[in-house]
Amino acid sequence: NADDFVTVHHELGHNYYQRAYNQQPLIYQN
């Protein structure tokens, strides 16, 4: 449905953010 189509884009935003900062020291991985 439309709601989950949008929600998926939102949740993947978290995942790509998480991967982008994973070279930072652990405390900065946020």
Full PDB file with SEQRES, HELIX, SHEET, SSBOND, CRYST1, ORIGX, SCALE, CONECT and MASTER records, all heavy atoms in Angstrom:
SEQRES   1 A   30  ASN ALA ASP ASP PHE VAL THR VAL HIS HIS GLU LEU GLY          
SEQRES   2 A   30  HIS ASN TYR TYR GLN ARG ALA TYR ASN GLN GLN PRO LEU          
SEQRES   3 A   30  ILE TYR GLN ASN                                              
HELIX    1 AA1 ALA A    2  ALA A   20  1                                  19    
HELIX    2 AA2 LEU A   26  TYR A   28  5                                   3    
CRYST1    1.000    1.000    1.000  90.00  90.00  90.00 P 1           1          
ORIGX1      1.000000  0.000000  0.000000        0.00000                         
ORIGX2      0.000000  1.000000  0.000000        0.00000                         
ORIGX3      0.000000  0.000000  1.000000        0.00000                         
SCALE1      1.000000  0.000000  0.000000        0.00000                         
SCALE2      0.000000  1.000000  0.000000        0.00000                         
SCALE3      0.000000  0.000000  1.000000        0.00000                         
ATOM      1  N   ASN A   1       0.844  -1.189   0.000  1.00  0.00           N  
ATOM      2  CA  ASN A   1       0.000   0.000   0.000  1.00  0.00           C  
ATOM      3  C   ASN A   1       0.884   1.244   0.000  1.00  0.00           C  
ATOM      4  O   ASN A   1       2.114   1.163   0.158  1.00  0.00           O  
ATOM      5  CB  ASN A   1      -0.970   0.005   1.194  1.00  0.00           C  
ATOM      6  CG  ASN A   1      -0.264  -0.039   2.536  1.00  0.00           C  
ATOM      7  OD1 ASN A   1       0.794   0.556   2.718  1.00  0.00           O  
ATOM      8  ND2 ASN A   1      -0.847  -0.758   3.490  1.00  0.00           N  
ATOM      9  N   ALA A   2       0.262   2.387  -0.194  1.00  0.00           N  
ATOM     10  CA  ALA A   2       1.002   3.637  -0.310  1.00  0.00           C  
ATOM     11  C   ALA A   2       1.765   3.963   0.963  1.00  0.00           C  
ATOM     12  O   ALA A   2       2.909   4.434   0.916  1.00  0.00           O  
ATOM     13  CB  ALA A   2       0.039   4.776  -0.659  1.00  0.00           C  
ATOM     14  N   ASP A   3       1.131   3.734   2.131  1.00  0.00           N  
ATOM     15  CA  ASP A   3       1.788   4.056   3.394  1.00  0.00           C  
ATOM     16  C   ASP A   3       3.100   3.305   3.537  1.00  0.00           C  
ATOM     17  O   ASP A   3       4.135   3.879   3.901  1.00  0.00           O  
ATOM     18  CB  ASP A   3       0.875   3.734   4.574  1.00  0.00           C  
ATOM     19  CG  ASP A   3      -0.239   4.754   4.744  1.00  0.00           C  
ATOM     20  OD1 ASP A   3      -0.165   5.829   4.124  1.00  0.00           O  
ATOM     21  OD2 ASP A   3      -1.185   4.467   5.506  1.00  0.00           O  
ATOM     22  N   ASP A   4       3.092   2.004   3.271  1.00  0.00           N  
ATOM     23  CA  ASP A   4       4.308   1.221   3.457  1.00  0.00           C  
ATOM     24  C   ASP A   4       5.330   1.500   2.365  1.00  0.00           C  
ATOM     25  O   ASP A   4       6.539   1.356   2.591  1.00  0.00           O  
ATOM     26  CB  ASP A   4       3.975  -0.270   3.532  1.00  0.00           C  
ATOM     27  CG  ASP A   4       3.401  -0.664   4.890  1.00  0.00           C  
ATOM     28  OD1 ASP A   4       3.239   0.234   5.738  1.00  0.00           O  
ATOM     29  OD2 ASP A   4       3.118  -1.851   5.114  1.00  0.00           O  
ATOM     30  N   PHE A   5       4.892   1.906   1.181  1.00  0.00           N  
ATOM     31  CA  PHE A   5       5.815   2.329   0.135  1.00  0.00           C  
ATOM     32  C   PHE A   5       6.645   3.518   0.626  1.00  0.00           C  
ATOM     33  O   PHE A   5       7.870   3.548   0.467  1.00  0.00           O  
ATOM     34  CB  PHE A   5       5.037   2.696  -1.128  1.00  0.00           C  
ATOM     35  CG  PHE A   5       5.899   2.989  -2.324  1.00  0.00           C  
ATOM     36  CD1 PHE A   5       6.395   1.963  -3.117  1.00  0.00           C  
ATOM     37  CD2 PHE A   5       6.201   4.300  -2.678  1.00  0.00           C  
ATOM     38  CE1 PHE A   5       7.181   2.226  -4.232  1.00  0.00           C  
ATOM     39  CE2 PHE A   5       6.984   4.578  -3.795  1.00  0.00           C  
ATOM     40  CZ  PHE A   5       7.476   3.534  -4.570  1.00  0.00           C  
ATOM     41  N   VAL A   6       5.979   4.466   1.263  1.00  0.00           N  
ATOM     42  CA  VAL A   6       6.675   5.636   1.808  1.00  0.00           C  
ATOM     43  C   VAL A   6       7.518   5.232   3.018  1.00  0.00           C  
ATOM     44  O   VAL A   6       8.666   5.677   3.176  1.00  0.00           O  
ATOM     45  CB  VAL A   6       5.665   6.734   2.179  1.00  0.00           C  
ATOM     46  CG1 VAL A   6       6.341   7.875   2.931  1.00  0.00           C  
ATOM     47  CG2 VAL A   6       4.990   7.271   0.918  1.00  0.00           C  
ATOM     48  N   THR A   7       6.969   4.386   3.898  1.00  0.00           N  
ATOM     49  CA  THR A   7       7.699   3.965   5.092  1.00  0.00           C  
ATOM     50  C   THR A   7       8.997   3.262   4.741  1.00  0.00           C  
ATOM     51  O   THR A   7      10.024   3.452   5.406  1.00  0.00           O  
ATOM     52  CB  THR A   7       6.820   3.048   5.963  1.00  0.00           C  
ATOM     53  OG1 THR A   7       5.665   3.772   6.396  1.00  0.00           O  
ATOM     54  CG2 THR A   7       7.578   2.549   7.184  1.00  0.00           C  
ATOM     55  N   VAL A   8       8.982   2.432   3.709  1.00  0.00           N  
ATOM     56  CA  VAL A   8      10.205   1.750   3.287  1.00  0.00           C  
ATOM     57  C   VAL A   8      11.286   2.762   2.914  1.00  0.00           C  
ATOM     58  O   VAL A   8      12.456   2.617   3.313  1.00  0.00           O  
ATOM     59  CB  VAL A   8       9.916   0.795   2.113  1.00  0.00           C  
ATOM     60  CG1 VAL A   8      11.203   0.438   1.367  1.00  0.00           C  
ATOM     61  CG2 VAL A   8       9.237  -0.472   2.615  1.00  0.00           C  
ATOM     62  N   HIS A   9      10.926   3.788   2.160  1.00  0.00           N  
ATOM     63  CA  HIS A   9      11.912   4.814   1.807  1.00  0.00           C  
ATOM     64  C   HIS A   9      12.466   5.465   3.079  1.00  0.00           C  
ATOM     65  O   HIS A   9      13.670   5.761   3.166  1.00  0.00           O  
ATOM     66  CB  HIS A   9      11.276   5.876   0.899  1.00  0.00           C  
ATOM     67  CG  HIS A   9      11.049   5.414  -0.508  1.00  0.00           C  
ATOM     68  ND1 HIS A   9      10.062   4.510  -0.837  1.00  0.00           N  
ATOM     69  CD2 HIS A   9      11.679   5.720  -1.676  1.00  0.00           C  
ATOM     70  CE1 HIS A   9      10.102   4.285  -2.155  1.00  0.00           C  
ATOM     71  NE2 HIS A   9      11.064   5.018  -2.684  1.00  0.00           N  
ATOM     72  N   HIS A  10      11.605   5.684   4.052  1.00  0.00           N  
ATOM     73  CA  HIS A  10      12.038   6.282   5.316  1.00  0.00           C  
ATOM     74  C   HIS A  10      13.018   5.360   6.044  1.00  0.00           C  
ATOM     75  O   HIS A  10      14.091   5.795   6.491  1.00  0.00           O  
ATOM     76  CB  HIS A  10      10.822   6.561   6.204  1.00  0.00           C  
ATOM     77  CG  HIS A  10      11.171   6.966   7.596  1.00  0.00           C  
ATOM     78  ND1 HIS A  10      11.313   8.282   7.976  1.00  0.00           N  
ATOM     79  CD2 HIS A  10      11.421   6.234   8.713  1.00  0.00           C  
ATOM     80  CE1 HIS A  10      11.642   8.335   9.254  1.00  0.00           C  
ATOM     81  NE2 HIS A  10      11.704   7.107   9.724  1.00  0.00           N  
ATOM     82  N   GLU A  11      12.657   4.093   6.211  1.00  0.00           N  
ATOM     83  CA  GLU A  11      13.508   3.174   6.974  1.00  0.00           C  
ATOM     84  C   GLU A  11      14.858   2.965   6.292  1.00  0.00           C  
ATOM     85  O   GLU A  11      15.897   2.866   6.961  1.00  0.00           O  
ATOM     86  CB  GLU A  11      12.800   1.832   7.186  1.00  0.00           C  
ATOM     87  CG  GLU A  11      11.559   1.913   8.059  1.00  0.00           C  
ATOM     88  CD  GLU A  11      11.822   2.484   9.442  1.00  0.00           C  
ATOM     89  OE1 GLU A  11      12.950   2.337   9.957  1.00  0.00           O  
ATOM     90  OE2 GLU A  11      10.897   3.097  10.019  1.00  0.00           O  
ATOM     91  N   LEU A  12      14.863   2.885   4.976  1.00  0.00           N  
ATOM     92  CA  LEU A  12      16.138   2.730   4.282  1.00  0.00           C  
ATOM     93  C   LEU A  12      17.021   3.964   4.465  1.00  0.00           C  
ATOM     94  O   LEU A  12      18.260   3.856   4.451  1.00  0.00           O  
ATOM     95  CB  LEU A  12      15.908   2.456   2.798  1.00  0.00           C  
ATOM     96  CG  LEU A  12      15.264   1.108   2.460  1.00  0.00           C  
ATOM     97  CD1 LEU A  12      15.155   0.934   0.942  1.00  0.00           C  
ATOM     98  CD2 LEU A  12      16.033  -0.052   3.074  1.00  0.00           C  
ATOM     99  N   GLY A  13      16.406   5.119   4.650  1.00  0.00           N  
ATOM    100  CA  GLY A  13      17.195   6.303   4.972  1.00  0.00           C  
ATOM    101  C   GLY A  13      18.031   6.094   6.212  1.00  0.00           C  
ATOM    102  O   GLY A  13      19.200   6.524   6.286  1.00  0.00           O  
ATOM    103  N   HIS A  14      17.465   5.429   7.223  1.00  0.00           N  
ATOM    104  CA  HIS A  14      18.240   5.091   8.422  1.00  0.00           C  
ATOM    105  C   HIS A  14      19.419   4.187   8.061  1.00  0.00           C  
ATOM    106  O   HIS A  14      20.546   4.394   8.516  1.00  0.00           O  
ATOM    107  CB  HIS A  14      17.358   4.360   9.427  1.00  0.00           C  
ATOM    108  CG  HIS A  14      16.357   5.216  10.129  1.00  0.00           C  
ATOM    109  ND1 HIS A  14      16.709   6.284  10.927  1.00  0.00           N  
ATOM    110  CD2 HIS A  14      14.996   5.147  10.191  1.00  0.00           C  
ATOM    111  CE1 HIS A  14      15.615   6.833  11.439  1.00  0.00           C  
ATOM    112  NE2 HIS A  14      14.572   6.168  10.998  1.00  0.00           N  
ATOM    113  N   ASN A  15      19.148   3.150   7.281  1.00  0.00           N  
ATOM    114  CA  ASN A  15      20.208   2.195   6.947  1.00  0.00           C  
ATOM    115  C   ASN A  15      21.366   2.852   6.200  1.00  0.00           C  
ATOM    116  O   ASN A  15      22.544   2.578   6.495  1.00  0.00           O  
ATOM    117  CB  ASN A  15      19.656   1.047   6.099  1.00  0.00           C  
ATOM    118  CG  ASN A  15      18.843   0.049   6.889  1.00  0.00           C  
ATOM    119  OD1 ASN A  15      17.855  -0.492   6.387  1.00  0.00           O  
ATOM    120  ND2 ASN A  15      19.230  -0.239   8.120  1.00  0.00           N  
ATOM    121  N   TYR A  16      21.057   3.693   5.226  1.00  0.00           N  
ATOM    122  CA  TYR A  16      22.131   4.347   4.485  1.00  0.00           C  
ATOM    123  C   TYR A  16      22.885   5.352   5.354  1.00  0.00           C  
ATOM    124  O   TYR A  16      24.102   5.539   5.185  1.00  0.00           O  
ATOM    125  CB  TYR A  16      21.574   5.011   3.227  1.00  0.00           C  
ATOM    126  CG  TYR A  16      21.285   4.013   2.127  1.00  0.00           C  
ATOM    127  CD1 TYR A  16      20.018   3.459   1.971  1.00  0.00           C  
ATOM    128  CD2 TYR A  16      22.290   3.601   1.258  1.00  0.00           C  
ATOM    129  CE1 TYR A  16      19.755   2.523   0.978  1.00  0.00           C  
ATOM    130  CE2 TYR A  16      22.042   2.669   0.259  1.00  0.00           C  
ATOM    131  CZ  TYR A  16      20.765   2.135   0.126  1.00  0.00           C  
ATOM    132  OH  TYR A  16      20.512   1.195  -0.852  1.00  0.00           O  
ATOM    133  N   TYR A  17      22.194   5.988   6.281  1.00  0.00           N  
ATOM    134  CA  TYR A  17      22.867   6.880   7.240  1.00  0.00           C  
ATOM    135  C   TYR A  17      23.803   6.045   8.114  1.00  0.00           C  
ATOM    136  O   TYR A  17      24.966   6.408   8.337  1.00  0.00           O  
ATOM    137  CB  TYR A  17      21.815   7.588   8.088  1.00  0.00           C  
ATOM    138  CG  TYR A  17      22.218   8.941   8.660  1.00  0.00           C  
ATOM    139  CD1 TYR A  17      21.234   9.859   9.030  1.00  0.00           C  
ATOM    140  CD2 TYR A  17      23.542   9.305   8.841  1.00  0.00           C  
ATOM    141  CE1 TYR A  17      21.563  11.101   9.549  1.00  0.00           C  
ATOM    142  CE2 TYR A  17      23.889  10.554   9.368  1.00  0.00           C  
ATOM    143  CZ  TYR A  17      22.890  11.444   9.727  1.00  0.00           C  
ATOM    144  OH  TYR A  17      23.225  12.671  10.244  1.00  0.00           O  
ATOM    145  N   GLN A  18      23.313   4.914   8.619  1.00  0.00           N  
ATOM    146  CA  GLN A  18      24.130   4.054   9.480  1.00  0.00           C  
ATOM    147  C   GLN A  18      25.409   3.614   8.771  1.00  0.00           C  
ATOM    148  O   GLN A  18      26.490   3.600   9.367  1.00  0.00           O  
ATOM    149  CB  GLN A  18      23.311   2.829   9.904  1.00  0.00           C  
ATOM    150  CG  GLN A  18      22.197   3.151  10.891  1.00  0.00           C  
ATOM    151  CD  GLN A  18      21.128   2.065  10.959  1.00  0.00           C  
ATOM    152  OE1 GLN A  18      21.003   1.237  10.058  1.00  0.00           O  
ATOM    153  NE2 GLN A  18      20.347   2.065  12.034  1.00  0.00           N  
ATOM    154  N   ARG A  19      25.280   3.250   7.507  1.00  0.00           N  
ATOM    155  CA  ARG A  19      26.469   2.801   6.781  1.00  0.00           C  
ATOM    156  C   ARG A  19      27.414   3.966   6.473  1.00  0.00           C  
ATOM    157  O   ARG A  19      28.641   3.795   6.481  1.00  0.00           O  
ATOM    158  CB  ARG A  19      26.072   2.086   5.492  1.00  0.00           C  
ATOM    159  CG  ARG A  19      27.274   1.481   4.783  1.00  0.00           C  
ATOM    160  CD  ARG A  19      26.890   0.433   3.778  1.00  0.00           C  
ATOM    161  NE  ARG A  19      26.124   0.968   2.667  1.00  0.00           N  
ATOM    162  CZ  ARG A  19      25.678   0.225   1.653  1.00  0.00           C  
ATOM    163  NH1 ARG A  19      25.908  -1.080   1.640  1.00  0.00           N  
ATOM    164  NH2 ARG A  19      24.994   0.778   0.679  1.00  0.00           N  
ATOM    165  N   ALA A  20      26.860   5.157   6.238  1.00  0.00           N  
ATOM    166  CA  ALA A  20      27.701   6.300   5.886  1.00  0.00           C  
ATOM    167  C   ALA A  20      28.648   6.678   7.020  1.00  0.00           C  
ATOM    168  O   ALA A  20      29.795   7.081   6.779  1.00  0.00           O  
ATOM    169  CB  ALA A  20      26.827   7.499   5.506  1.00  0.00           C  
ATOM    170  N   TYR A  21      28.186   6.575   8.270  1.00  0.00           N  
ATOM    171  CA  TYR A  21      29.040   7.019   9.383  1.00  0.00           C  
ATOM    172  C   TYR A  21      29.789   5.881  10.070  1.00  0.00           C  
ATOM    173  O   TYR A  21      30.403   6.075  11.118  1.00  0.00           O  
ATOM    174  CB  TYR A  21      28.260   7.847  10.400  1.00  0.00           C  
ATOM    175  CG  TYR A  21      27.047   7.232  11.055  1.00  0.00           C  
ATOM    176  CD1 TYR A  21      27.079   6.002  11.709  1.00  0.00           C  
ATOM    177  CD2 TYR A  21      25.831   7.930  11.066  1.00  0.00           C  
ATOM    178  CE1 TYR A  21      25.965   5.474  12.342  1.00  0.00           C  
ATOM    179  CE2 TYR A  21      24.709   7.407  11.690  1.00  0.00           C  
ATOM    180  CZ  TYR A  21      24.779   6.189  12.331  1.00  0.00           C  
ATOM    181  OH  TYR A  21      23.665   5.670  12.961  1.00  0.00           O  
ATOM    182  N   ASN A  22      29.792   4.697   9.506  1.00  0.00           N  
ATOM    183  CA  ASN A  22      30.418   3.592  10.232  1.00  0.00           C  
ATOM    184  C   ASN A  22      31.937   3.611  10.235  1.00  0.00           C  
ATOM    185  O   ASN A  22      32.567   2.750  10.849  1.00  0.00           O  
ATOM    186  CB  ASN A  22      29.895   2.229   9.739  1.00  0.00           C  
ATOM    187  CG  ASN A  22      30.368   1.870   8.337  1.00  0.00           C  
ATOM    188  OD1 ASN A  22      31.215   2.538   7.755  1.00  0.00           O  
ATOM    189  ND2 ASN A  22      29.801   0.806   7.783  1.00  0.00           N  
ATOM    190  N   GLN A  23      32.545   4.607   9.558  1.00  0.00           N  
ATOM    191  CA  GLN A  23      33.995   4.776   9.656  1.00  0.00           C  
ATOM    192  C   GLN A  23      34.387   5.722  10.789  1.00  0.00           C  
ATOM    193  O   GLN A  23      35.576   5.884  11.084  1.00  0.00           O  
ATOM    194  CB  GLN A  23      34.548   5.317   8.326  1.00  0.00           C  
ATOM    195  CG  GLN A  23      34.327   4.390   7.138  1.00  0.00           C  
ATOM    196  CD  GLN A  23      34.936   3.015   7.360  1.00  0.00           C  
ATOM    197  OE1 GLN A  23      36.108   2.881   7.714  1.00  0.00           O  
ATOM    198  NE2 GLN A  23      34.124   1.985   7.157  1.00  0.00           N  
ATOM    199  N   GLN A  24      33.402   6.337  11.422  1.00  0.00           N  
ATOM    200  CA  GLN A  24      33.668   7.220  12.548  1.00  0.00           C  
ATOM    201  C   GLN A  24      33.990   6.383  13.798  1.00  0.00           C  
ATOM    202  O   GLN A  24      33.624   5.205  13.886  1.00  0.00           O  
ATOM    203  CB  GLN A  24      32.443   8.096  12.841  1.00  0.00           C  
ATOM    204  CG  GLN A  24      32.132   9.141  11.797  1.00  0.00           C  
ATOM    205  CD  GLN A  24      33.062  10.344  11.875  1.00  0.00           C  
ATOM    206  OE1 GLN A  24      33.883  10.475  12.794  1.00  0.00           O  
ATOM    207  NE2 GLN A  24      32.938  11.232  10.892  1.00  0.00           N  
ATOM    208  N   PRO A  25      34.668   6.989  14.803  1.00  0.00           N  
ATOM    209  CA  PRO A  25      34.796   6.308  16.089  1.00  0.00           C  
ATOM    210  C   PRO A  25      33.416   5.907  16.607  1.00  0.00           C  
ATOM    211  O   PRO A  25      32.407   6.575  16.324  1.00  0.00           O  
ATOM    212  CB  PRO A  25      35.442   7.368  16.986  1.00  0.00           C  
ATOM    213  CG  PRO A  25      36.163   8.277  16.038  1.00  0.00           C  
ATOM    214  CD  PRO A  25      35.323   8.311  14.795  1.00  0.00           C  
ATOM    215  N   LEU A  26      33.346   4.841  17.355  1.00  0.00           N  
ATOM    216  CA  LEU A  26      32.069   4.264  17.748  1.00  0.00           C  
ATOM    217  C   LEU A  26      31.125   5.281  18.368  1.00  0.00           C  
ATOM    218  O   LEU A  26      29.927   5.292  18.078  1.00  0.00           O  
ATOM    219  CB  LEU A  26      32.318   3.109  18.728  1.00  0.00           C  
ATOM    220  CG  LEU A  26      31.085   2.320  19.165  1.00  0.00           C  
ATOM    221  CD1 LEU A  26      30.448   1.617  17.974  1.00  0.00           C  
ATOM    222  CD2 LEU A  26      31.457   1.300  20.244  1.00  0.00           C  
ATOM    223  N   ILE A  27      31.648   6.149  19.215  1.00  0.00           N  
ATOM    224  CA  ILE A  27      30.785   7.108  19.915  1.00  0.00           C  
ATOM    225  C   ILE A  27      30.168   8.114  18.944  1.00  0.00           C  
ATOM    226  O   ILE A  27      29.090   8.648  19.193  1.00  0.00           O  
ATOM    227  CB  ILE A  27      31.567   7.814  21.037  1.00  0.00           C  
ATOM    228  CG1 ILE A  27      31.952   6.789  22.114  1.00  0.00           C  
ATOM    229  CG2 ILE A  27      30.757   8.941  21.671  1.00  0.00           C  
ATOM    230  CD1 ILE A  27      32.848   7.342  23.207  1.00  0.00           C  
ATOM    231  N   TYR A  28      30.823   8.338  17.804  1.00  0.00           N  
ATOM    232  CA  TYR A  28      30.293   9.260  16.804  1.00  0.00           C  
ATOM    233  C   TYR A  28      29.383   8.564  15.791  1.00  0.00           C  
ATOM    234  O   TYR A  28      28.906   9.210  14.850  1.00  0.00           O  
ATOM    235  CB  TYR A  28      31.438   9.920  16.035  1.00  0.00           C  
ATOM    236  CG  TYR A  28      32.196  10.991  16.778  1.00  0.00           C  
ATOM    237  CD1 TYR A  28      33.497  11.327  16.390  1.00  0.00           C  
ATOM    238  CD2 TYR A  28      31.626  11.691  17.837  1.00  0.00           C  
ATOM    239  CE1 TYR A  28      34.209  12.321  17.043  1.00  0.00           C  
ATOM    240  CE2 TYR A  28      32.325  12.685  18.499  1.00  0.00           C  
ATOM    241  CZ  TYR A  28      33.625  13.001  18.099  1.00  0.00           C  
ATOM    242  OH  TYR A  28      34.314  13.993  18.745  1.00  0.00           O  
ATOM    243  N   GLN A  29      29.152   7.287  15.951  1.00  0.00           N  
ATOM    244  CA  GLN A  29      28.327   6.563  14.974  1.00  0.00           C  
ATOM    245  C   GLN A  29      26.849   6.789  15.276  1.00  0.00           C  
ATOM    246  O   GLN A  29      26.134   5.917  15.761  1.00  0.00           O  
ATOM    247  CB  GLN A  29      28.693   5.079  14.965  1.00  0.00           C  
ATOM    248  CG  GLN A  29      30.075   4.837  14.369  1.00  0.00           C  
ATOM    249  CD  GLN A  29      30.443   3.381  14.266  1.00  0.00           C  
ATOM    250  OE1 GLN A  29      29.580   2.510  14.323  1.00  0.00           O  
ATOM    251  NE2 GLN A  29      31.732   3.102  14.136  1.00  0.00           N  
ATOM    252  N   ASN A  30      26.426   7.993  14.984  1.00  0.00           N  
ATOM    253  CA  ASN A  30      25.039   8.407  15.179  1.00  0.00           C  
ATOM    254  C   ASN A  30      24.802   9.631  14.309  1.00  0.00           C  
ATOM    255  O   ASN A  30      25.734  10.194  13.744  1.00  0.00           O  
ATOM    256  CB  ASN A  30      24.778   8.733  16.656  1.00  0.00           C  
ATOM    257  CG  ASN A  30      23.306   8.759  16.986  1.00  0.00           C  
ATOM    258  OD1 ASN A  30      22.506   8.124  16.315  1.00  0.00           O  
ATOM    259  ND2 ASN A  30      22.953   9.505  17.997  1.00  0.00           N  
TER     260      ASN A  30                                                      
MASTER        0    0    0    2    0    0    0    6  259    1    0    3          
END                                                                             
